[in-house]
PDB file of all heavy atoms in Angstrom:
ATOM      1  N   GLN A   1      21.225 -12.080  18.719  1.00  0.00           N
ATOM      2  CA  GLN A   1      20.621 -11.829  20.030  1.00  0.00           C
ATOM      3  C   GLN A   1      21.559 -11.054  20.946  1.00  0.00           C
ATOM      4  O   GLN A   1      21.122 -10.197  21.721  1.00  0.00           O
ATOM      5  CB  GLN A   1      20.218 -13.155  20.684  1.00  0.00           C
ATOM      6  CG  GLN A   1      19.031 -13.825  20.017  1.00  0.00           C
ATOM      7  CD  GLN A   1      17.777 -12.975  20.050  1.00  0.00           C
ATOM      8  OE1 GLN A   1      17.553 -12.202  20.983  1.00  0.00           O
ATOM      9  NE2 GLN A   1      16.951 -13.119  19.032  1.00  0.00           N
ATOM     10  N   ASN A   2      22.861 -11.337  20.878  1.00  0.00           N
ATOM     11  CA  ASN A   2      23.828 -10.595  21.695  1.00  0.00           C
ATOM     12  C   ASN A   2      23.786  -9.107  21.362  1.00  0.00           C
ATOM     13  O   ASN A   2      23.861  -8.249  22.246  1.00  0.00           O
ATOM     14  CB  ASN A   2      25.240 -11.130  21.453  1.00  0.00           C
ATOM     15  CG  ASN A   2      25.476 -12.474  22.117  1.00  0.00           C
ATOM     16  OD1 ASN A   2      24.650 -12.947  22.892  1.00  0.00           O
ATOM     17  ND2 ASN A   2      26.596 -13.108  21.806  1.00  0.00           N
ATOM     18  N   GLY A   3      23.683  -8.808  20.062  1.00  0.00           N
ATOM     19  CA  GLY A   3      23.621  -7.413  19.650  1.00  0.00           C
ATOM     20  C   GLY A   3      22.370  -6.728  20.155  1.00  0.00           C
ATOM     21  O   GLY A   3      22.419  -5.574  20.625  1.00  0.00           O
ATOM     22  N   ILE A   4      21.237  -7.416  20.064  1.00  0.00           N
ATOM     23  CA  ILE A   4      19.973  -6.846  20.538  1.00  0.00           C
ATOM     24  C   ILE A   4      20.042  -6.572  22.041  1.00  0.00           C
ATOM     25  O   ILE A   4      19.635  -5.501  22.517  1.00  0.00           O
ATOM     26  CB  ILE A   4      18.808  -7.810  20.230  1.00  0.00           C
ATOM     27  CG1 ILE A   4      18.654  -8.030  18.729  1.00  0.00           C
ATOM     28  CG2 ILE A   4      17.512  -7.279  20.834  1.00  0.00           C
ATOM     29  CD1 ILE A   4      18.255  -6.813  17.948  1.00  0.00           C
ATOM     30  N   GLU A   5      20.564  -7.524  22.786  1.00  0.00           N
ATOM     31  CA  GLU A   5      20.659  -7.351  24.240  1.00  0.00           C
ATOM     32  C   GLU A   5      21.566  -6.186  24.606  1.00  0.00           C
ATOM     33  O   GLU A   5      21.278  -5.417  25.534  1.00  0.00           O
ATOM     34  CB  GLU A   5      21.174  -8.641  24.885  1.00  0.00           C
ATOM     35  CG  GLU A   5      20.183  -9.794  24.822  1.00  0.00           C
ATOM     36  CD  GLU A   5      20.748 -11.086  25.383  1.00  0.00           C
ATOM     37  OE1 GLU A   5      21.817 -11.018  26.031  1.00  0.00           O
ATOM     38  OE2 GLU A   5      20.146 -12.151  25.165  1.00  0.00           O
ATOM     39  N   GLN A   6      22.676  -6.054  23.878  1.00  0.00           N
ATOM     40  CA  GLN A   6      23.595  -4.950  24.146  1.00  0.00           C
ATOM     41  C   GLN A   6      22.904  -3.607  23.920  1.00  0.00           C
ATOM     42  O   GLN A   6      23.045  -2.670  24.716  1.00  0.00           O
ATOM     43  CB  GLN A   6      24.818  -5.062  23.249  1.00  0.00           C
ATOM     44  CG  GLN A   6      25.882  -3.999  23.519  1.00  0.00           C
ATOM     45  CD  GLN A   6      27.095  -4.162  22.621  1.00  0.00           C
ATOM     46  OE1 GLN A   6      27.142  -5.057  21.780  1.00  0.00           O
ATOM     47  NE2 GLN A   6      28.086  -3.315  22.818  1.00  0.00           N
ATOM     48  N   ALA A   7      22.143  -3.518  22.845  1.00  0.00           N
ATOM     49  CA  ALA A   7      21.449  -2.269  22.536  1.00  0.00           C
ATOM     50  C   ALA A   7      20.349  -1.971  23.556  1.00  0.00           C
ATOM     51  O   ALA A   7      20.174  -0.815  23.971  1.00  0.00           O
ATOM     52  CB  ALA A   7      20.861  -2.340  21.130  1.00  0.00           C
ATOM     53  N   LYS A   8      19.635  -3.004  23.967  1.00  0.00           N
ATOM     54  CA  LYS A   8      18.544  -2.789  24.927  1.00  0.00           C
ATOM     55  C   LYS A   8      19.065  -2.363  26.295  1.00  0.00           C
ATOM     56  O   LYS A   8      18.377  -1.663  27.038  1.00  0.00           O
ATOM     57  CB  LYS A   8      17.694  -4.054  25.044  1.00  0.00           C
ATOM     58  CG  LYS A   8      16.799  -4.267  23.819  1.00  0.00           C
ATOM     59  CD  LYS A   8      15.865  -5.451  23.995  1.00  0.00           C
ATOM     60  CE  LYS A   8      14.888  -5.542  22.831  1.00  0.00           C
ATOM     61  NZ  LYS A   8      13.957  -6.683  22.970  1.00  0.00           N
ATOM     62  N   LYS A   9      20.286  -2.782  26.640  1.00  0.00           N
ATOM     63  CA  LYS A   9      20.880  -2.337  27.909  1.00  0.00           C
ATOM     64  C   LYS A   9      21.126  -0.833  27.912  1.00  0.00           C
ATOM     65  O   LYS A   9      21.193  -0.209  28.974  1.00  0.00           O
ATOM     66  CB  LYS A   9      22.178  -3.098  28.174  1.00  0.00           C
ATOM     67  CG  LYS A   9      21.964  -4.531  28.649  1.00  0.00           C
ATOM     68  CD  LYS A   9      23.281  -5.215  28.967  1.00  0.00           C
ATOM     69  CE  LYS A   9      23.034  -6.638  29.473  1.00  0.00           C
ATOM     70  NZ  LYS A   9      24.304  -7.339  29.792  1.00  0.00           N
ATOM     71  N   LEU A  10      21.269  -0.257  26.721  1.00  0.00           N
ATOM     72  CA  LEU A  10      21.414   1.200  26.608  1.00  0.00           C
ATOM     73  C   LEU A  10      20.061   1.884  26.424  1.00  0.00           C
ATOM     74  O   LEU A  10      20.003   3.071  26.147  1.00  0.00           O
ATOM     75  CB  LEU A  10      22.329   1.545  25.421  1.00  0.00           C
ATOM     76  CG  LEU A  10      23.803   1.196  25.574  1.00  0.00           C
ATOM     77  CD1 LEU A  10      24.571   1.602  24.318  1.00  0.00           C
ATOM     78  CD2 LEU A  10      24.406   1.875  26.794  1.00  0.00           C
ATOM     79  N   GLU A  11      19.004   1.084  26.588  1.00  0.00           N
ATOM     80  CA  GLU A  11      17.625   1.569  26.478  1.00  0.00           C
ATOM     81  C   GLU A  11      17.296   2.105  25.087  1.00  0.00           C
ATOM     82  O   GLU A  11      16.554   3.068  24.928  1.00  0.00           O
ATOM     83  CB  GLU A  11      17.349   2.630  27.556  1.00  0.00           C
ATOM     84  CG  GLU A  11      17.518   2.090  28.957  1.00  0.00           C
ATOM     85  CD  GLU A  11      17.188   3.125  30.034  1.00  0.00           C
ATOM     86  OE1 GLU A  11      17.050   4.313  29.685  1.00  0.00           O
ATOM     87  OE2 GLU A  11      17.054   2.735  31.200  1.00  0.00           O
ATOM     88  N   ILE A  12      17.868   1.457  24.085  1.00  0.00           N
ATOM     89  CA  ILE A  12      17.508   1.768  22.697  1.00  0.00           C
ATOM     90  C   ILE A  12      16.149   1.128  22.408  1.00  0.00           C
ATOM     91  O   ILE A  12      15.915  -0.029  22.744  1.00  0.00           O
ATOM     92  CB  ILE A  12      18.580   1.252  21.726  1.00  0.00           C
ATOM     93  CG1 ILE A  12      19.878   2.051  21.931  1.00  0.00           C
ATOM     94  CG2 ILE A  12      18.115   1.343  20.281  1.00  0.00           C
ATOM     95  CD1 ILE A  12      21.067   1.506  21.168  1.00  0.00           C
ATOM     96  N   GLU A  13      15.273   1.883  21.782  1.00  0.00           N
ATOM     97  CA  GLU A  13      13.913   1.429  21.524  1.00  0.00           C
ATOM     98  C   GLU A  13      13.871   0.554  20.263  1.00  0.00           C
ATOM     99  O   GLU A  13      14.462   0.895  19.238  1.00  0.00           O
ATOM    100  CB  GLU A  13      12.987   2.633  21.361  1.00  0.00           C
ATOM    101  CG  GLU A  13      11.518   2.262  21.254  1.00  0.00           C
ATOM    102  CD  GLU A  13      10.615   3.486  21.183  1.00  0.00           C
ATOM    103  OE1 GLU A  13      11.111   4.598  21.427  1.00  0.00           O
ATOM    104  OE2 GLU A  13       9.427   3.316  20.877  1.00  0.00           O
ATOM    105  N   PHE A  14      13.141  -0.566  20.351  1.00  0.00           N
ATOM    106  CA  PHE A  14      12.994  -1.487  19.229  1.00  0.00           C
ATOM    107  C   PHE A  14      11.518  -1.661  18.886  1.00  0.00           C
ATOM    108  O   PHE A  14      10.673  -1.736  19.774  1.00  0.00           O
ATOM    109  CB  PHE A  14      13.576  -2.866  19.569  1.00  0.00           C
ATOM    110  CG  PHE A  14      15.069  -2.933  19.456  1.00  0.00           C
ATOM    111  CD1 PHE A  14      15.876  -2.468  20.490  1.00  0.00           C
ATOM    112  CD2 PHE A  14      15.676  -3.456  18.328  1.00  0.00           C
ATOM    113  CE1 PHE A  14      17.254  -2.527  20.396  1.00  0.00           C
ATOM    114  CE2 PHE A  14      17.055  -3.527  18.223  1.00  0.00           C
ATOM    115  CZ  PHE A  14      17.847  -3.058  19.252  1.00  0.00           C
ATOM    116  N   ILE A  15      11.244  -1.768  17.597  1.00  0.00           N
ATOM    117  CA  ILE A  15       9.896  -2.094  17.123  1.00  0.00           C
ATOM    118  C   ILE A  15      10.031  -3.154  16.038  1.00  0.00           C
ATOM    119  O   ILE A  15      10.836  -3.004  15.110  1.00  0.00           O
ATOM    120  CB  ILE A  15       9.169  -0.858  16.565  1.00  0.00           C
ATOM    121  CG1 ILE A  15       8.832   0.117  17.698  1.00  0.00           C
ATOM    122  CG2 ILE A  15       7.896  -1.265  15.812  1.00  0.00           C
ATOM    123  CD1 ILE A  15       8.212   1.398  17.231  1.00  0.00           C
ATOM    124  N   GLU A  16       9.272  -4.237  16.161  1.00  0.00           N
ATOM    125  CA  GLU A  16       9.268  -5.274  15.128  1.00  0.00           C
ATOM    126  C   GLU A  16       8.131  -5.004  14.161  1.00  0.00           C
ATOM    127  O   GLU A  16       6.949  -5.141  14.507  1.00  0.00           O
ATOM    128  CB  GLU A  16       9.131  -6.668  15.752  1.00  0.00           C
ATOM    129  CG  GLU A  16       9.356  -7.784  14.743  1.00  0.00           C
ATOM    130  CD  GLU A  16       9.564  -9.141  15.399  1.00  0.00           C
ATOM    131  OE1 GLU A  16      10.166  -9.171  16.489  1.00  0.00           O
ATOM    132  OE2 GLU A  16       9.127 -10.139  14.801  1.00  0.00           O
ATOM    133  N   ASP A  17       8.474  -4.570  12.993  1.00  0.00           N
ATOM    134  CA  ASP A  17       7.488  -4.184  11.985  1.00  0.00           C
ATOM    135  C   ASP A  17       8.191  -4.134  10.629  1.00  0.00           C
ATOM    136  O   ASP A  17       9.423  -4.230  10.555  1.00  0.00           O
ATOM    137  CB  ASP A  17       6.873  -2.823  12.333  1.00  0.00           C
ATOM    138  CG  ASP A  17       5.478  -2.641  11.746  1.00  0.00           C
ATOM    139  OD1 ASP A  17       5.122  -3.396  10.813  1.00  0.00           O
ATOM    140  OD2 ASP A  17       4.750  -1.740  12.210  1.00  0.00           O
ATOM    141  N   GLU A  18       7.436  -3.977   9.569  1.00  0.00           N
ATOM    142  CA  GLU A  18       8.010  -3.912   8.222  1.00  0.00           C
ATOM    143  C   GLU A  18       7.843  -2.520   7.646  1.00  0.00           C
ATOM    144  O   GLU A  18       6.721  -1.989   7.591  1.00  0.00           O
ATOM    145  CB  GLU A  18       7.349  -4.930   7.302  1.00  0.00           C
ATOM    146  CG  GLU A  18       7.938  -4.938   5.903  1.00  0.00           C
ATOM    147  CD  GLU A  18       7.339  -6.013   5.022  1.00  0.00           C
ATOM    148  OE1 GLU A  18       6.483  -6.774   5.519  1.00  0.00           O
ATOM    149  OE2 GLU A  18       7.730  -6.094   3.848  1.00  0.00           O
ATOM    150  N   VAL A  19       8.937  -1.907   7.231  1.00  0.00           N
ATOM    151  CA  VAL A  19       8.893  -0.578   6.628  1.00  0.00           C
ATOM    152  C   VAL A  19       8.416  -0.714   5.180  1.00  0.00           C
ATOM    153  O   VAL A  19       8.945  -1.504   4.403  1.00  0.00           O
ATOM    154  CB  VAL A  19      10.282   0.095   6.670  1.00  0.00           C
ATOM    155  CG1 VAL A  19      10.258   1.419   5.904  1.00  0.00           C
ATOM    156  CG2 VAL A  19      10.701   0.321   8.115  1.00  0.00           C
ATOM    157  N   VAL A  20       7.405   0.099   4.819  1.00  0.00           N
ATOM    158  CA  VAL A  20       6.836   0.032   3.471  1.00  0.00           C
ATOM    159  C   VAL A  20       7.025   1.321   2.676  1.00  0.00           C
ATOM    160  O   VAL A  20       6.871   1.325   1.455  1.00  0.00           O
ATOM    161  CB  VAL A  20       5.331  -0.323   3.528  1.00  0.00           C
ATOM    162  CG1 VAL A  20       5.138  -1.718   4.099  1.00  0.00           C
ATOM    163  CG2 VAL A  20       4.552   0.696   4.366  1.00  0.00           C
ATOM    164  N   ALA A  21       7.364   2.426   3.365  1.00  0.00           N
ATOM    165  CA  ALA A  21       7.548   3.692   2.647  1.00  0.00           C
ATOM    166  C   ALA A  21       8.403   4.647   3.463  1.00  0.00           C
ATOM    167  O   ALA A  21       8.457   4.577   4.696  1.00  0.00           O
ATOM    168  CB  ALA A  21       6.199   4.342   2.340  1.00  0.00           C
ATOM    169  N   LEU A  22       9.097   5.540   2.746  1.00  0.00           N
ATOM    170  CA  LEU A  22       9.938   6.550   3.386  1.00  0.00           C
ATOM    171  C   LEU A  22       9.711   7.877   2.674  1.00  0.00           C
ATOM    172  O   LEU A  22       9.837   7.961   1.455  1.00  0.00           O
ATOM    173  CB  LEU A  22      11.413   6.145   3.298  1.00  0.00           C
ATOM    174  CG  LEU A  22      12.439   7.140   3.854  1.00  0.00           C
ATOM    175  CD1 LEU A  22      12.249   7.322   5.354  1.00  0.00           C
ATOM    176  CD2 LEU A  22      13.859   6.658   3.559  1.00  0.00           C
ATOM    177  N   GLY A  23       9.360   8.896   3.428  1.00  0.00           N
ATOM    178  CA  GLY A  23       9.115  10.212   2.838  1.00  0.00           C
ATOM    179  C   GLY A  23       9.805  11.305   3.626  1.00  0.00           C
ATOM    180  O   GLY A  23      10.369  11.069   4.710  1.00  0.00           O
ATOM    181  N   TYR A  24       9.769  12.510   3.088  1.00  0.00           N
ATOM    182  CA  TYR A  24      10.401  13.646   3.775  1.00  0.00           C
ATOM    183  C   TYR A  24       9.474  14.852   3.705  1.00  0.00           C
ATOM    184  O   TYR A  24       9.173  15.354   2.622  1.00  0.00           O
ATOM    185  CB  TYR A  24      11.746  13.981   3.136  1.00  0.00           C
ATOM    186  CG  TYR A  24      12.502  15.057   3.897  1.00  0.00           C
ATOM    187  CD1 TYR A  24      13.258  14.736   5.017  1.00  0.00           C
ATOM    188  CD2 TYR A  24      12.427  16.397   3.509  1.00  0.00           C
ATOM    189  CE1 TYR A  24      13.932  15.711   5.722  1.00  0.00           C
ATOM    190  CE2 TYR A  24      13.095  17.380   4.208  1.00  0.00           C
ATOM    191  CZ  TYR A  24      13.848  17.033   5.319  1.00  0.00           C
ATOM    192  OH  TYR A  24      14.516  18.008   6.022  1.00  0.00           O
ATOM    193  N   PHE A  25       9.014  15.296   4.861  1.00  0.00           N
ATOM    194  CA  PHE A  25       8.169  16.479   4.989  1.00  0.00           C
ATOM    195  C   PHE A  25       8.669  17.278   6.192  1.00  0.00           C
ATOM    196  O   PHE A  25       8.199  17.102   7.304  1.00  0.00           O
ATOM    197  CB  PHE A  25       6.707  16.089   5.175  1.00  0.00           C
ATOM    198  CG  PHE A  25       6.212  15.104   4.146  1.00  0.00           C
ATOM    199  CD1 PHE A  25       6.172  13.746   4.441  1.00  0.00           C
ATOM    200  CD2 PHE A  25       5.809  15.528   2.892  1.00  0.00           C
ATOM    201  CE1 PHE A  25       5.729  12.833   3.507  1.00  0.00           C
ATOM    202  CE2 PHE A  25       5.355  14.618   1.951  1.00  0.00           C
ATOM    203  CZ  PHE A  25       5.316  13.270   2.258  1.00  0.00           C
ATOM    204  N   GLU A  26       9.660  18.125   5.966  1.00  0.00           N
ATOM    205  CA  GLU A  26      10.384  18.850   7.024  1.00  0.00           C
ATOM    206  C   GLU A  26      11.272  17.901   7.824  1.00  0.00           C
ATOM    207  O   GLU A  26      12.400  18.230   8.170  1.00  0.00           O
ATOM    208  CB  GLU A  26       9.429  19.600   7.952  1.00  0.00           C
ATOM    209  CG  GLU A  26       8.664  20.712   7.257  1.00  0.00           C
ATOM    210  CD  GLU A  26       7.824  21.505   8.219  1.00  0.00           C
ATOM    211  OE1 GLU A  26       7.731  21.118   9.409  1.00  0.00           O
ATOM    212  OE2 GLU A  26       7.246  22.527   7.786  1.00  0.00           O
ATOM    213  N   ASN A  27      10.742  16.725   8.148  1.00  0.00           N
ATOM    214  CA  ASN A  27      11.528  15.651   8.747  1.00  0.00           C
ATOM    215  C   ASN A  27      11.218  14.354   7.992  1.00  0.00           C
ATOM    216  O   ASN A  27      10.276  14.300   7.196  1.00  0.00           O
ATOM    217  CB  ASN A  27      11.184  15.484  10.231  1.00  0.00           C
ATOM    218  CG  ASN A  27      11.659  16.661  11.063  1.00  0.00           C
ATOM    219  OD1 ASN A  27      12.848  16.846  11.266  1.00  0.00           O
ATOM    220  ND2 ASN A  27      10.710  17.465  11.538  1.00  0.00           N
ATOM    221  N   PHE A  28      12.029  13.325   8.227  1.00  0.00           N
ATOM    222  CA  PHE A  28      11.762  12.043   7.596  1.00  0.00           C
ATOM    223  C   PHE A  28      10.545  11.381   8.229  1.00  0.00           C
ATOM    224  O   PHE A  28      10.345  11.458   9.447  1.00  0.00           O
ATOM    225  CB  PHE A  28      12.967  11.111   7.729  1.00  0.00           C
ATOM    226  CG  PHE A  28      14.115  11.477   6.846  1.00  0.00           C
ATOM    227  CD1 PHE A  28      15.189  12.200   7.346  1.00  0.00           C
ATOM    228  CD2 PHE A  28      14.120  11.109   5.501  1.00  0.00           C
ATOM    229  CE1 PHE A  28      16.245  12.549   6.527  1.00  0.00           C
ATOM    230  CE2 PHE A  28      15.175  11.448   4.674  1.00  0.00           C
ATOM    231  CZ  PHE A  28      16.239  12.176   5.191  1.00  0.00           C
ATOM    232  N   GLU A  29       9.744  10.752   7.406  1.00  0.00           N
ATOM    233  CA  GLU A  29       8.598   9.981   7.885  1.00  0.00           C
ATOM    234  C   GLU A  29       8.740   8.545   7.415  1.00  0.00           C
ATOM    235  O   GLU A  29       8.808   8.288   6.209  1.00  0.00           O
ATOM    236  CB  GLU A  29       7.289  10.568   7.373  1.00  0.00           C
ATOM    237  CG  GLU A  29       6.062   9.849   7.944  1.00  0.00           C
ATOM    238  CD  GLU A  29       4.762  10.509   7.534  1.00  0.00           C
ATOM    239  OE1 GLU A  29       4.310  11.414   8.254  1.00  0.00           O
ATOM    240  OE2 GLU A  29       4.226  10.122   6.472  1.00  0.00           O
ATOM    241  N   VAL A  30       8.837   7.635   8.362  1.00  0.00           N
ATOM    242  CA  VAL A  30       8.987   6.214   8.067  1.00  0.00           C
ATOM    243  C   VAL A  30       7.644   5.538   8.307  1.00  0.00           C
ATOM    244  O   VAL A  30       7.126   5.542   9.415  1.00  0.00           O
ATOM    245  CB  VAL A  30      10.071   5.563   8.957  1.00  0.00           C
ATOM    246  CG1 VAL A  30      10.197   4.080   8.635  1.00  0.00           C
ATOM    247  CG2 VAL A  30      11.409   6.274   8.773  1.00  0.00           C
ATOM    248  N   GLU A  31       7.091   4.968   7.244  1.00  0.00           N
ATOM    249  CA  GLU A  31       5.801   4.298   7.349  1.00  0.00           C
ATOM    250  C   GLU A  31       6.000   2.789   7.392  1.00  0.00           C
ATOM    251  O   GLU A  31       6.714   2.218   6.568  1.00  0.00           O
ATOM    252  CB  GLU A  31       4.919   4.662   6.162  1.00  0.00           C
ATOM    253  CG  GLU A  31       3.532   4.031   6.227  1.00  0.00           C
ATOM    254  CD  GLU A  31       2.645   4.413   5.059  1.00  0.00           C
ATOM    255  OE1 GLU A  31       3.062   5.288   4.259  1.00  0.00           O
ATOM    256  OE2 GLU A  31       1.548   3.825   4.937  1.00  0.00           O
ATOM    257  N   THR A  32       5.384   2.158   8.367  1.00  0.00           N
ATOM    258  CA  THR A  32       5.413   0.704   8.470  1.00  0.00           C
ATOM    259  C   THR A  32       4.017   0.151   8.209  1.00  0.00           C
ATOM    260  O   THR A  32       3.078   0.911   7.974  1.00  0.00           O
ATOM    261  CB  THR A  32       5.894   0.253   9.864  1.00  0.00           C
ATOM    262  OG1 THR A  32       4.886   0.610  10.835  1.00  0.00           O
ATOM    263  CG2 THR A  32       7.210   0.918  10.233  1.00  0.00           C
ATOM    264  N   ILE A  33       3.890  -1.151   8.271  1.00  0.00           N
ATOM    265  CA  ILE A  33       2.573  -1.759   8.065  1.00  0.00           C
ATOM    266  C   ILE A  33       1.586  -1.275   9.109  1.00  0.00           C
ATOM    267  O   ILE A  33       0.400  -1.076   8.822  1.00  0.00           O
ATOM    268  CB  ILE A  33       2.693  -3.298   8.098  1.00  0.00           C
ATOM    269  CG1 ILE A  33       3.477  -3.800   6.877  1.00  0.00           C
ATOM    270  CG2 ILE A  33       1.322  -3.961   8.143  1.00  0.00           C
ATOM    271  CD1 ILE A  33       3.738  -5.279   6.869  1.00  0.00           C
ATOM    272  N   ASN A  34       2.063  -1.039  10.340  1.00  0.00           N
ATOM    273  CA  ASN A  34       1.160  -0.743  11.446  1.00  0.00           C
ATOM    274  C   ASN A  34       1.140   0.707  11.911  1.00  0.00           C
ATOM    275  O   ASN A  34       0.226   1.103  12.640  1.00  0.00           O
ATOM    276  CB  ASN A  34       1.512  -1.636  12.648  1.00  0.00           C
ATOM    277  CG  ASN A  34       1.348  -3.108  12.333  1.00  0.00           C
ATOM    278  OD1 ASN A  34       0.275  -3.543  11.945  1.00  0.00           O
ATOM    279  ND2 ASN A  34       2.426  -3.872  12.484  1.00  0.00           N
ATOM    280  N   SER A  35       2.140   1.513  11.504  1.00  0.00           N
ATOM    281  CA  SER A  35       2.198   2.868  12.051  1.00  0.00           C
ATOM    282  C   SER A  35       3.101   3.759  11.206  1.00  0.00           C
ATOM    283  O   SER A  35       3.609   3.349  10.156  1.00  0.00           O
ATOM    284  CB  SER A  35       2.706   2.823  13.499  1.00  0.00           C
ATOM    285  OG  SER A  35       2.532   4.068  14.120  1.00  0.00           O
ATOM    286  N   LYS A  36       3.316   5.012  11.688  1.00  0.00           N
ATOM    287  CA  LYS A  36       4.235   5.962  11.056  1.00  0.00           C
ATOM    288  C   LYS A  36       5.114   6.588  12.133  1.00  0.00           C
ATOM    289  O   LYS A  36       4.657   6.828  13.254  1.00  0.00           O
ATOM    290  CB  LYS A  36       3.464   7.061  10.319  1.00  0.00           C
ATOM    291  CG  LYS A  36       2.667   6.569   9.118  1.00  0.00           C
ATOM    292  CD  LYS A  36       1.950   7.733   8.428  1.00  0.00           C
ATOM    293  CE  LYS A  36       1.163   7.264   7.222  1.00  0.00           C
ATOM    294  NZ  LYS A  36       0.452   8.392   6.552  1.00  0.00           N
ATOM    295  N   TYR A  37       6.384   6.867  11.790  1.00  0.00           N
ATOM    296  CA  TYR A  37       7.335   7.430  12.742  1.00  0.00           C
ATOM    297  C   TYR A  37       8.116   8.551  12.068  1.00  0.00           C
ATOM    298  O   TYR A  37       8.379   8.495  10.863  1.00  0.00           O
ATOM    299  CB  TYR A  37       8.300   6.334  13.232  1.00  0.00           C
ATOM    300  CG  TYR A  37       7.594   5.126  13.796  1.00  0.00           C
ATOM    301  CD1 TYR A  37       7.278   4.041  12.974  1.00  0.00           C
ATOM    302  CD2 TYR A  37       7.230   5.071  15.128  1.00  0.00           C
ATOM    303  CE1 TYR A  37       6.620   2.933  13.474  1.00  0.00           C
ATOM    304  CE2 TYR A  37       6.569   3.957  15.648  1.00  0.00           C
ATOM    305  CZ  TYR A  37       6.264   2.895  14.803  1.00  0.00           C
ATOM    306  OH  TYR A  37       5.598   1.815  15.308  1.00  0.00           O
ATOM    307  N   LYS A  38       8.498   9.550  12.852  1.00  0.00           N
ATOM    308  CA  LYS A  38       9.238  10.687  12.307  1.00  0.00           C
ATOM    309  C   LYS A  38      10.629  10.771  12.923  1.00  0.00           C
ATOM    310  O   LYS A  38      10.825  10.445  14.099  1.00  0.00           O
ATOM    311  CB  LYS A  38       8.467  11.980  12.560  1.00  0.00           C
ATOM    312  CG  LYS A  38       7.158  12.077  11.777  1.00  0.00           C
ATOM    313  CD  LYS A  38       6.481  13.428  12.000  1.00  0.00           C
ATOM    314  CE  LYS A  38       5.206  13.544  11.164  1.00  0.00           C
ATOM    315  NZ  LYS A  38       4.543  14.847  11.345  1.00  0.00           N
ATOM    316  N   ALA A  39      11.588  11.234  12.132  1.00  0.00           N
ATOM    317  CA  ALA A  39      12.963  11.363  12.612  1.00  0.00           C
ATOM    318  C   ALA A  39      13.691  12.440  11.830  1.00  0.00           C
ATOM    319  O   ALA A  39      13.337  12.762  10.691  1.00  0.00           O
ATOM    320  CB  ALA A  39      13.699  10.032  12.474  1.00  0.00           C
ATOM    321  N   LYS A  40      14.733  12.960  12.465  1.00  0.00           N
ATOM    322  CA  LYS A  40      15.575  13.955  11.794  1.00  0.00           C
ATOM    323  C   LYS A  40      16.487  13.281  10.769  1.00  0.00           C
ATOM    324  O   LYS A  40      16.912  13.901   9.798  1.00  0.00           O
ATOM    325  CB  LYS A  40      16.412  14.699  12.829  1.00  0.00           C
ATOM    326  CG  LYS A  40      15.580  15.489  13.845  1.00  0.00           C
ATOM    327  CD  LYS A  40      16.477  16.112  14.909  1.00  0.00           C
ATOM    328  CE  LYS A  40      15.662  16.817  15.982  1.00  0.00           C
ATOM    329  NZ  LYS A  40      16.527  17.357  17.066  1.00  0.00           N
ATOM    330  N   ALA A  41      16.818  12.013  11.017  1.00  0.00           N
ATOM    331  CA  ALA A  41      17.682  11.266  10.107  1.00  0.00           C
ATOM    332  C   ALA A  41      17.254   9.803  10.088  1.00  0.00           C
ATOM    333  O   ALA A  41      16.686   9.290  11.064  1.00  0.00           O
ATOM    334  CB  ALA A  41      19.144  11.368  10.537  1.00  0.00           C
ATOM    335  N   VAL A  42      17.535   9.127   8.966  1.00  0.00           N
ATOM    336  CA  VAL A  42      17.206   7.707   8.825  1.00  0.00           C
ATOM    337  C   VAL A  42      18.442   6.976   8.304  1.00  0.00           C
ATOM    338  O   VAL A  42      19.105   7.443   7.370  1.00  0.00           O
ATOM    339  CB  VAL A  42      16.030   7.491   7.857  1.00  0.00           C
ATOM    340  CG1 VAL A  42      15.818   5.997   7.597  1.00  0.00           C
ATOM    341  CG2 VAL A  42      14.753   8.104   8.417  1.00  0.00           C
ATOM    342  N   ILE A  43      18.739   5.827   8.927  1.00  0.00           N
ATOM    343  CA  ILE A  43      19.827   4.968   8.460  1.00  0.00           C
ATOM    344  C   ILE A  43      19.218   3.662   7.975  1.00  0.00           C
ATOM    345  O   ILE A  43      18.504   2.983   8.721  1.00  0.00           O
ATOM    346  CB  ILE A  43      20.846   4.687   9.582  1.00  0.00           C
ATOM    347  CG1 ILE A  43      21.517   5.990  10.041  1.00  0.00           C
ATOM    348  CG2 ILE A  43      21.898   3.687   9.114  1.00  0.00           C
ATOM    349  CD1 ILE A  43      22.445   5.820  11.229  1.00  0.00           C
ATOM    350  N   LEU A  44      19.483   3.314   6.709  1.00  0.00           N
ATOM    351  CA  LEU A  44      18.997   2.057   6.151  1.00  0.00           C
ATOM    352  C   LEU A  44      20.091   0.999   6.282  1.00  0.00           C
ATOM    353  O   LEU A  44      21.141   1.109   5.668  1.00  0.00           O
ATOM    354  CB  LEU A  44      18.609   2.238   4.686  1.00  0.00           C
ATOM    355  CG  LEU A  44      17.496   3.259   4.409  1.00  0.00           C
ATOM    356  CD1 LEU A  44      17.244   3.354   2.910  1.00  0.00           C
ATOM    357  CD2 LEU A  44      16.209   2.880   5.143  1.00  0.00           C
ATOM    358  N   ALA A  45      19.834   0.000   7.102  1.00  0.00           N
ATOM    359  CA  ALA A  45      20.797  -1.087   7.337  1.00  0.00           C
ATOM    360  C   ALA A  45      20.078  -2.411   7.179  1.00  0.00           C
ATOM    361  O   ALA A  45      20.098  -3.272   8.060  1.00  0.00           O
ATOM    362  CB  ALA A  45      21.414  -0.955   8.732  1.00  0.00           C
TER     363      ALA A  45
END
C-alpha cells in the first residue's frame, strides 16, 4: 500500500484488471479482460 500511495502522489494511473494478451502493431497493445491499451513500451513485473 505504501508503494501504491507513493505512485499515486505522482499521479501515476492505475487500473485493476487482468492482462490476457500482448501484441505489437506499430505499438504494443495490451489486452485485459475488460479493455485494450496501447503503449510505446511494456514492462512485465
